[in-house]
Structures are given as structure tokens and as C-alpha cells.
Amino acid sequence: MDVKNAIEARRAYRSLDPVAITDDLIWDLARAASLSASCFNNQPWRYVFVRDSEVLAKVCTAMTKGNQWTERASMIIAVFSRPELDCVIKEREYNWFDTGMATALLILRATELGLVAHPIAGFRPAEVKPMLGIPEDMRLLTLVIVGKHTTVPNPILSDKQLHDEGERPPRLLLERIAFVDRVPDGAPVGEPIPH
């Protein structure tokens, strides 16, 4: 699969089947992230790859109601960083951008390997960090839920989540997110996606 195909194939599925999580898989994903660009090559991203069933179950207790489907995860990857690990130029803290880029490469590599790698925001970081030994001064940015996609819908999903399993949620028009040479006056750049 080439990069373009991996980008097209990547989906945030929630209906998962188990998949074997080997050391080779973990280090393959970590290697993909490690090759990402970063300010002065500071590499501010940090990951905990959780595959032990008892630790997975513990982490799942810190999920919000809409993310109970994560109980079917074969692996959960905790993504964390802090500003001091990367360039801080005035108000620009590059670690967040650089960690996001590295995590995107990890997700694309997982997709290329036929896996679902679904980043989520619905969890309680203050509970997860001590479970995984993440230092207090680090910010836990996301959890990436990893498994094998199944077409058998997970019965715990909401109607909207079930809909999104079958059909990719709509994307903004390119004219709304990309501009050539300058942002036109009155362009709706600051408007959020209507939900």
C-alpha cells in the first residue's frame, strides 16, 4: 500500500476484532513515529504501548461513556509530551505539532498493516497517567485504540457511531480548508464544523 492509499483507507472504526500484538508490531509502529520531522530534531513524542489484558481493562475504566467500545481494543497507545521537549518560540510550542505529526505516521503505518488505529479524546487523563507511569509534568494528548476492523457492528455503539461505521463522516470542502496565496476576506476559517 502506498501513502496515498493508506491515507484513503484510514478510518476511525469502533467495531473491532482482536489482533495479535507482537513486539515486532510495537517496534514497527514506534519506528514509524520516530522517523517524523520535528523542530531541530528534538523528537518530543513519547508513547506507552499497552497490550497486557489487565492493564487494558484498567485503562478502559477511564473512558467516557461514548468510548466504552474501547474494551475490544487489542492495544491502546498513550501519546504524551511536554513543551520543554521541543522548540518554544514565543507563544509557539512546537511539541504539540511535532507529536501530532509523529502520531499520524504511526497511524498510517498501522493502517498499512491492515489495522485500525483510532485516536480518541474521550478519557480521563488524570486517571490514565498514574496507571501507565506517565510523569505528572507530561500532558497525555490522546489514546490510540488499535485492533482489527470487523464488519460485524459492535452492539454497544450509538446510532451515530453505527452510521459512521458504514459511511465515512463528511469532510469539509477543500475550499474551506485550503487557500492559495492568501486567505480571502470573509473566508469562514474560524468557524467550527457543525455537528
C-alpha atoms as a PDB file:
ATOM      1  CA  MET A   1       0.000   0.000   0.000  1.00  0.00           C
ATOM      2  CA  ASP A   2       1.410   3.421  -0.862  1.00  0.00           C
ATOM      3  CA  VAL A   3       0.974   6.502   1.309  1.00  0.00           C
ATOM      4  CA  LYS A   4      -1.977   7.838  -0.689  1.00  0.00           C
ATOM      5  CA  ASN A   5      -3.815   4.521  -0.305  1.00  0.00           C
ATOM      6  CA  ALA A   6      -3.080   4.427   3.426  1.00  0.00           C
ATOM      7  CA  ILE A   7      -4.481   7.947   3.793  1.00  0.00           C
ATOM      8  CA  GLU A   8      -7.631   6.940   1.876  1.00  0.00           C
ATOM      9  CA  ALA A   9      -8.017   3.666   3.822  1.00  0.00           C
ATOM     10  CA  ARG A  10      -7.579   5.180   7.300  1.00  0.00           C
ATOM     11  CA  ARG A  11     -10.851   5.204   9.199  1.00  0.00           C
ATOM     12  CA  ALA A  12     -11.819   5.637  12.849  1.00  0.00           C
ATOM     13  CA  TYR A  13     -13.700   2.348  13.140  1.00  0.00           C
ATOM     14  CA  ARG A  14     -15.150   1.282  16.501  1.00  0.00           C
ATOM     15  CA  SER A  15     -16.148  -2.312  15.674  1.00  0.00           C
ATOM     16  CA  LEU A  16     -13.020  -4.302  16.426  1.00  0.00           C
ATOM     17  CA  ASP A  17     -11.859  -7.893  16.424  1.00  0.00           C
ATOM     18  CA  PRO A  18      -8.798  -8.970  18.394  1.00  0.00           C
ATOM     19  CA  VAL A  19      -5.391  -8.992  16.732  1.00  0.00           C
ATOM     20  CA  ALA A  20      -2.068 -10.346  17.991  1.00  0.00           C
ATOM     21  CA  ILE A  21       0.155  -7.581  19.336  1.00  0.00           C
ATOM     22  CA  THR A  22       3.749  -8.700  18.980  1.00  0.00           C
ATOM     23  CA  ASP A  23       6.965  -6.978  19.991  1.00  0.00           C
ATOM     24  CA  ASP A  24       7.752  -6.648  16.276  1.00  0.00           C
ATOM     25  CA  LEU A  25       4.479  -4.790  15.684  1.00  0.00           C
ATOM     26  CA  ILE A  26       5.094  -2.409  18.592  1.00  0.00           C
ATOM     27  CA  TRP A  27       8.621  -1.564  17.445  1.00  0.00           C
ATOM     28  CA  ASP A  28       7.462  -1.237  13.831  1.00  0.00           C
ATOM     29  CA  LEU A  29       4.882   1.387  14.863  1.00  0.00           C
ATOM     30  CA  ALA A  30       7.370   3.118  17.175  1.00  0.00           C
ATOM     31  CA  ARG A  31       9.926   3.216  14.341  1.00  0.00           C
ATOM     32  CA  ALA A  32       7.393   4.848  12.002  1.00  0.00           C
ATOM     33  CA  ALA A  33       6.742   7.575  14.592  1.00  0.00           C
ATOM     34  CA  SER A  34      10.456   8.020  15.269  1.00  0.00           C
ATOM     35  CA  LEU A  35      11.128   8.970  11.642  1.00  0.00           C
ATOM     36  CA  SER A  36       8.846  12.009  11.777  1.00  0.00           C
ATOM     37  CA  ALA A  37      10.106  15.561  11.375  1.00  0.00           C
ATOM     38  CA  SER A  38      10.481  17.774  14.440  1.00  0.00           C
ATOM     39  CA  CYS A  39      11.907  21.174  15.328  1.00  0.00           C
ATOM     40  CA  PHE A  40      15.717  20.795  15.465  1.00  0.00           C
ATOM     41  CA  ASN A  41      15.140  17.017  15.526  1.00  0.00           C
ATOM     42  CA  ASN A  42      14.038  17.224  19.178  1.00  0.00           C
ATOM     43  CA  GLN A  43      11.609  14.281  18.821  1.00  0.00           C
ATOM     44  CA  PRO A  44       9.278  15.325  21.695  1.00  0.00           C
ATOM     45  CA  TRP A  45       6.797  12.448  21.305  1.00  0.00           C
ATOM     46  CA  ARG A  46       6.512   9.711  23.896  1.00  0.00           C
ATOM     47  CA  TYR A  47       4.352   6.567  23.756  1.00  0.00           C
ATOM     48  CA  VAL A  48       3.225   3.781  26.061  1.00  0.00           C
ATOM     49  CA  PHE A  49       2.056   0.727  24.091  1.00  0.00           C
ATOM     50  CA  VAL A  50      -0.436  -1.100  26.313  1.00  0.00           C
ATOM     51  CA  ARG A  51      -1.157  -4.712  25.339  1.00  0.00           C
ATOM     52  CA  ASP A  52      -1.472  -6.576  28.645  1.00  0.00           C
ATOM     53  CA  SER A  53      -5.143  -7.526  29.088  1.00  0.00           C
ATOM     54  CA  GLU A  54      -5.256  -6.460  32.745  1.00  0.00           C
ATOM     55  CA  VAL A  55      -3.726  -3.055  32.025  1.00  0.00           C
ATOM     56  CA  LEU A  56      -6.041  -2.597  29.017  1.00  0.00           C
ATOM     57  CA  ALA A  57      -9.055  -3.323  31.229  1.00  0.00           C
ATOM     58  CA  LYS A  58      -7.806  -0.806  33.797  1.00  0.00           C
ATOM     59  CA  VAL A  59      -7.310   1.920  31.161  1.00  0.00           C
ATOM     60  CA  CYS A  60     -10.815   1.271  29.829  1.00  0.00           C
ATOM     61  CA  THR A  61     -12.247   2.222  33.240  1.00  0.00           C
ATOM     62  CA  ALA A  62     -11.102   5.794  32.497  1.00  0.00           C
ATOM     63  CA  MET A  63     -13.105   6.103  29.265  1.00  0.00           C
ATOM     64  CA  THR A  64     -16.104   8.376  28.892  1.00  0.00           C
ATOM     65  CA  LYS A  65     -19.466   6.773  28.129  1.00  0.00           C
ATOM     66  CA  GLY A  66     -19.176   7.170  24.341  1.00  0.00           C
ATOM     67  CA  ASN A  67     -15.876   5.280  24.302  1.00  0.00           C
ATOM     68  CA  GLN A  68     -16.929   2.068  26.016  1.00  0.00           C
ATOM     69  CA  TRP A  69     -16.296   0.325  22.683  1.00  0.00           C
ATOM     70  CA  THR A  70     -12.571   0.574  23.504  1.00  0.00           C
ATOM     71  CA  GLU A  71     -12.977  -2.529  25.685  1.00  0.00           C
ATOM     72  CA  ARG A  72     -12.423  -4.503  22.463  1.00  0.00           C
ATOM     73  CA  ALA A  73      -9.005  -2.931  21.863  1.00  0.00           C
ATOM     74  CA  SER A  74      -6.058  -5.247  21.365  1.00  0.00           C
ATOM     75  CA  MET A  75      -3.715  -2.385  22.191  1.00  0.00           C
ATOM     76  CA  ILE A  76      -4.034   1.188  23.425  1.00  0.00           C
ATOM     77  CA  ILE A  77      -1.220   3.626  22.706  1.00  0.00           C
ATOM     78  CA  ALA A  78      -0.889   6.547  25.111  1.00  0.00           C
ATOM     79  CA  VAL A  79       0.610   9.633  23.418  1.00  0.00           C
ATOM     80  CA  PHE A  80       2.248  12.244  25.628  1.00  0.00           C
ATOM     81  CA  SER A  81       4.699  15.134  25.597  1.00  0.00           C
ATOM     82  CA  ARG A  82       5.516  18.493  27.191  1.00  0.00           C
ATOM     83  CA  PRO A  83       6.615  21.829  25.711  1.00  0.00           C
ATOM     84  CA  GLU A  84      10.164  21.709  27.133  1.00  0.00           C
ATOM     85  CA  LEU A  85      10.990  18.661  24.986  1.00  0.00           C
ATOM     86  CA  ASP A  86      10.851  20.758  21.812  1.00  0.00           C
ATOM     87  CA  CYS A  87      11.238  24.288  20.464  1.00  0.00           C
ATOM     88  CA  VAL A  88       9.303  27.007  22.255  1.00  0.00           C
ATOM     89  CA  ILE A  89       9.467  30.201  20.207  1.00  0.00           C
ATOM     90  CA  LYS A  90       7.430  32.963  21.839  1.00  0.00           C
ATOM     91  CA  GLU A  91       3.868  31.547  22.034  1.00  0.00           C
ATOM     92  CA  ARG A  92       4.597  28.651  19.639  1.00  0.00           C
ATOM     93  CA  GLU A  93       5.033  25.340  21.461  1.00  0.00           C
ATOM     94  CA  TYR A  94       6.147  23.007  18.685  1.00  0.00           C
ATOM     95  CA  ASN A  95       5.909  19.788  20.679  1.00  0.00           C
ATOM     96  CA  TRP A  96       2.140  19.546  20.103  1.00  0.00           C
ATOM     97  CA  PHE A  97       2.520  19.843  16.328  1.00  0.00           C
ATOM     98  CA  ASP A  98       5.538  17.548  16.156  1.00  0.00           C
ATOM     99  CA  THR A  99       3.921  14.896  18.357  1.00  0.00           C
ATOM    100  CA  GLY A 100       0.801  15.044  16.178  1.00  0.00           C
ATOM    101  CA  MET A 101       2.869  14.510  13.029  1.00  0.00           C
ATOM    102  CA  ALA A 102       4.690  11.537  14.545  1.00  0.00           C
ATOM    103  CA  THR A 103       1.416  10.012  15.707  1.00  0.00           C
ATOM    104  CA  ALA A 104      -0.070  10.466  12.230  1.00  0.00           C
ATOM    105  CA  LEU A 105       2.830   8.446  10.786  1.00  0.00           C
ATOM    106  CA  LEU A 106       2.239   5.731  13.397  1.00  0.00           C
ATOM    107  CA  ILE A 107      -1.476   5.652  12.474  1.00  0.00           C
ATOM    108  CA  LEU A 108      -0.722   5.451   8.745  1.00  0.00           C
ATOM    109  CA  ARG A 109       1.739   2.598   9.323  1.00  0.00           C
ATOM    110  CA  ALA A 110      -0.904   0.729  11.354  1.00  0.00           C
ATOM    111  CA  THR A 111      -3.381   1.305   8.515  1.00  0.00           C
ATOM    112  CA  GLU A 112      -0.867  -0.015   6.008  1.00  0.00           C
ATOM    113  CA  LEU A 113      -0.597  -3.169   8.149  1.00  0.00           C
ATOM    114  CA  GLY A 114      -4.387  -3.641   7.972  1.00  0.00           C
ATOM    115  CA  LEU A 115      -5.134  -2.366  11.475  1.00  0.00           C
ATOM    116  CA  VAL A 116      -7.470   0.253  12.896  1.00  0.00           C
ATOM    117  CA  ALA A 117      -5.606   2.942  14.855  1.00  0.00           C
ATOM    118  CA  HIS A 118      -8.306   5.276  16.202  1.00  0.00           C
ATOM    119  CA  PRO A 119      -7.189   8.295  18.284  1.00  0.00           C
ATOM    120  CA  ILE A 120      -9.700   9.393  20.910  1.00  0.00           C
ATOM    121  CA  ALA A 121     -10.246  12.345  23.238  1.00  0.00           C
ATOM    122  CA  GLY A 122     -12.931  10.832  25.489  1.00  0.00           C
ATOM    123  CA  PHE A 123     -10.976   9.617  28.521  1.00  0.00           C
ATOM    124  CA  ARG A 124      -9.853  10.960  31.882  1.00  0.00           C
ATOM    125  CA  PRO A 125      -6.103  11.723  31.673  1.00  0.00           C
ATOM    126  CA  ALA A 126      -5.723  12.212  35.443  1.00  0.00           C
ATOM    127  CA  GLU A 127      -6.753   8.564  35.908  1.00  0.00           C
ATOM    128  CA  VAL A 128      -4.780   7.098  32.998  1.00  0.00           C
ATOM    129  CA  LYS A 129      -1.427   8.788  33.663  1.00  0.00           C
ATOM    130  CA  PRO A 130      -0.684   7.082  37.005  1.00  0.00           C
ATOM    131  CA  MET A 131      -1.901   3.722  35.645  1.00  0.00           C
ATOM    132  CA  LEU A 132       0.771   3.907  32.954  1.00  0.00           C
ATOM    133  CA  GLY A 133       3.533   5.634  34.924  1.00  0.00           C
ATOM    134  CA  ILE A 134       3.345   8.806  32.829  1.00  0.00           C
ATOM    135  CA  PRO A 135       5.067  11.619  34.743  1.00  0.00           C
ATOM    136  CA  GLU A 136       2.826  14.312  36.187  1.00  0.00           C
ATOM    137  CA  ASP A 137       4.560  17.082  34.199  1.00  0.00           C
ATOM    138  CA  MET A 138       3.692  15.416  30.873  1.00  0.00           C
ATOM    139  CA  ARG A 139       0.415  16.056  29.040  1.00  0.00           C
ATOM    140  CA  LEU A 140      -1.444  12.957  27.851  1.00  0.00           C
ATOM    141  CA  LEU A 141      -2.699  14.124  24.454  1.00  0.00           C
ATOM    142  CA  THR A 142      -4.622  11.137  23.130  1.00  0.00           C
ATOM    143  CA  LEU A 143      -5.104   7.410  23.328  1.00  0.00           C
ATOM    144  CA  VAL A 144      -4.867   5.491  20.052  1.00  0.00           C
ATOM    145  CA  ILE A 145      -7.123   2.434  20.061  1.00  0.00           C
ATOM    146  CA  VAL A 146      -5.739  -0.453  17.989  1.00  0.00           C
ATOM    147  CA  GLY A 147      -7.494  -3.551  16.716  1.00  0.00           C
ATOM    148  CA  LYS A 148      -8.655  -5.299  13.588  1.00  0.00           C
ATOM    149  CA  HIS A 149     -11.772  -3.918  11.901  1.00  0.00           C
ATOM    150  CA  THR A 150     -14.787  -6.197  11.741  1.00  0.00           C
ATOM    151  CA  THR A 151     -17.890  -5.584   9.653  1.00  0.00           C
ATOM    152  CA  VAL A 152     -19.985  -7.049  12.477  1.00  0.00           C
ATOM    153  CA  PRO A 153     -21.207  -3.901  14.267  1.00  0.00           C
ATOM    154  CA  ASN A 154     -20.322  -3.550  17.917  1.00  0.00           C
ATOM    155  CA  PRO A 155     -23.713  -3.601  19.723  1.00  0.00           C
ATOM    156  CA  ILE A 156     -22.568  -1.010  22.256  1.00  0.00           C
ATOM    157  CA  LEU A 157     -22.323   1.739  19.596  1.00  0.00           C
ATOM    158  CA  SER A 158     -24.762   4.659  19.402  1.00  0.00           C
ATOM    159  CA  ASP A 159     -26.850   5.220  16.276  1.00  0.00           C
ATOM    160  CA  LYS A 160     -24.446   7.915  15.073  1.00  0.00           C
ATOM    161  CA  GLN A 161     -21.423   5.706  15.713  1.00  0.00           C
ATOM    162  CA  LEU A 162     -23.102   2.853  13.806  1.00  0.00           C
ATOM    163  CA  HIS A 163     -23.808   5.210  10.907  1.00  0.00           C
ATOM    164  CA  ASP A 164     -20.166   6.328  10.865  1.00  0.00           C
ATOM    165  CA  GLU A 165     -19.029   2.697  10.757  1.00  0.00           C
ATOM    166  CA  GLY A 166     -20.734   2.238   7.404  1.00  0.00           C
ATOM    167  CA  GLU A 167     -20.038   5.587   5.820  1.00  0.00           C
ATOM    168  CA  ARG A 168     -17.077   7.906   6.218  1.00  0.00           C
ATOM    169  CA  PRO A 169     -18.244  11.068   8.005  1.00  0.00           C
ATOM    170  CA  PRO A 170     -18.347  14.046   5.625  1.00  0.00           C
ATOM    171  CA  ARG A 171     -15.204  16.074   5.103  1.00  0.00           C
ATOM    172  CA  LEU A 172     -15.119  19.835   4.770  1.00  0.00           C
ATOM    173  CA  LEU A 173     -14.845  21.138   1.221  1.00  0.00           C
ATOM    174  CA  LEU A 174     -11.237  21.763   0.244  1.00  0.00           C
ATOM    175  CA  GLU A 175     -12.153  25.403  -0.472  1.00  0.00           C
ATOM    176  CA  ARG A 176     -12.978  25.737   3.223  1.00  0.00           C
ATOM    177  CA  ILE A 177      -9.641  24.431   4.500  1.00  0.00           C
ATOM    178  CA  ALA A 178      -7.059  25.350   1.860  1.00  0.00           C
ATOM    179  CA  PHE A 179      -6.268  28.694   0.262  1.00  0.00           C
ATOM    180  CA  VAL A 180      -3.791  29.779  -2.396  1.00  0.00           C
ATOM    181  CA  ASP A 181      -1.554  32.773  -1.719  1.00  0.00           C
ATOM    182  CA  ARG A 182      -3.777  34.312   0.973  1.00  0.00           C
ATOM    183  CA  VAL A 183      -6.972  33.784   2.947  1.00  0.00           C
ATOM    184  CA  PRO A 184      -9.759  35.725   1.187  1.00  0.00           C
ATOM    185  CA  ASP A 185     -11.546  38.430   3.166  1.00  0.00           C
ATOM    186  CA  GLY A 186     -14.564  36.961   4.918  1.00  0.00           C
ATOM    187  CA  ALA A 187     -13.459  33.325   4.486  1.00  0.00           C
ATOM    188  CA  PRO A 188     -15.008  31.148   7.257  1.00  0.00           C
ATOM    189  CA  VAL A 189     -11.635  29.992   8.617  1.00  0.00           C
ATOM    190  CA  GLY A 190     -12.604  30.312  12.285  1.00  0.00           C
ATOM    191  CA  GLU A 191     -15.926  28.505  12.107  1.00  0.00           C
ATOM    192  CA  PRO A 192     -16.121  25.040  13.665  1.00  0.00           C
ATOM    193  CA  ILE A 193     -17.649  22.066  11.906  1.00  0.00           C
ATOM    194  CA  PRO A 194     -21.412  21.992  12.566  1.00  0.00           C
ATOM    195  CA  HIS A 195     -22.374  18.777  14.406  1.00  0.00           C
END
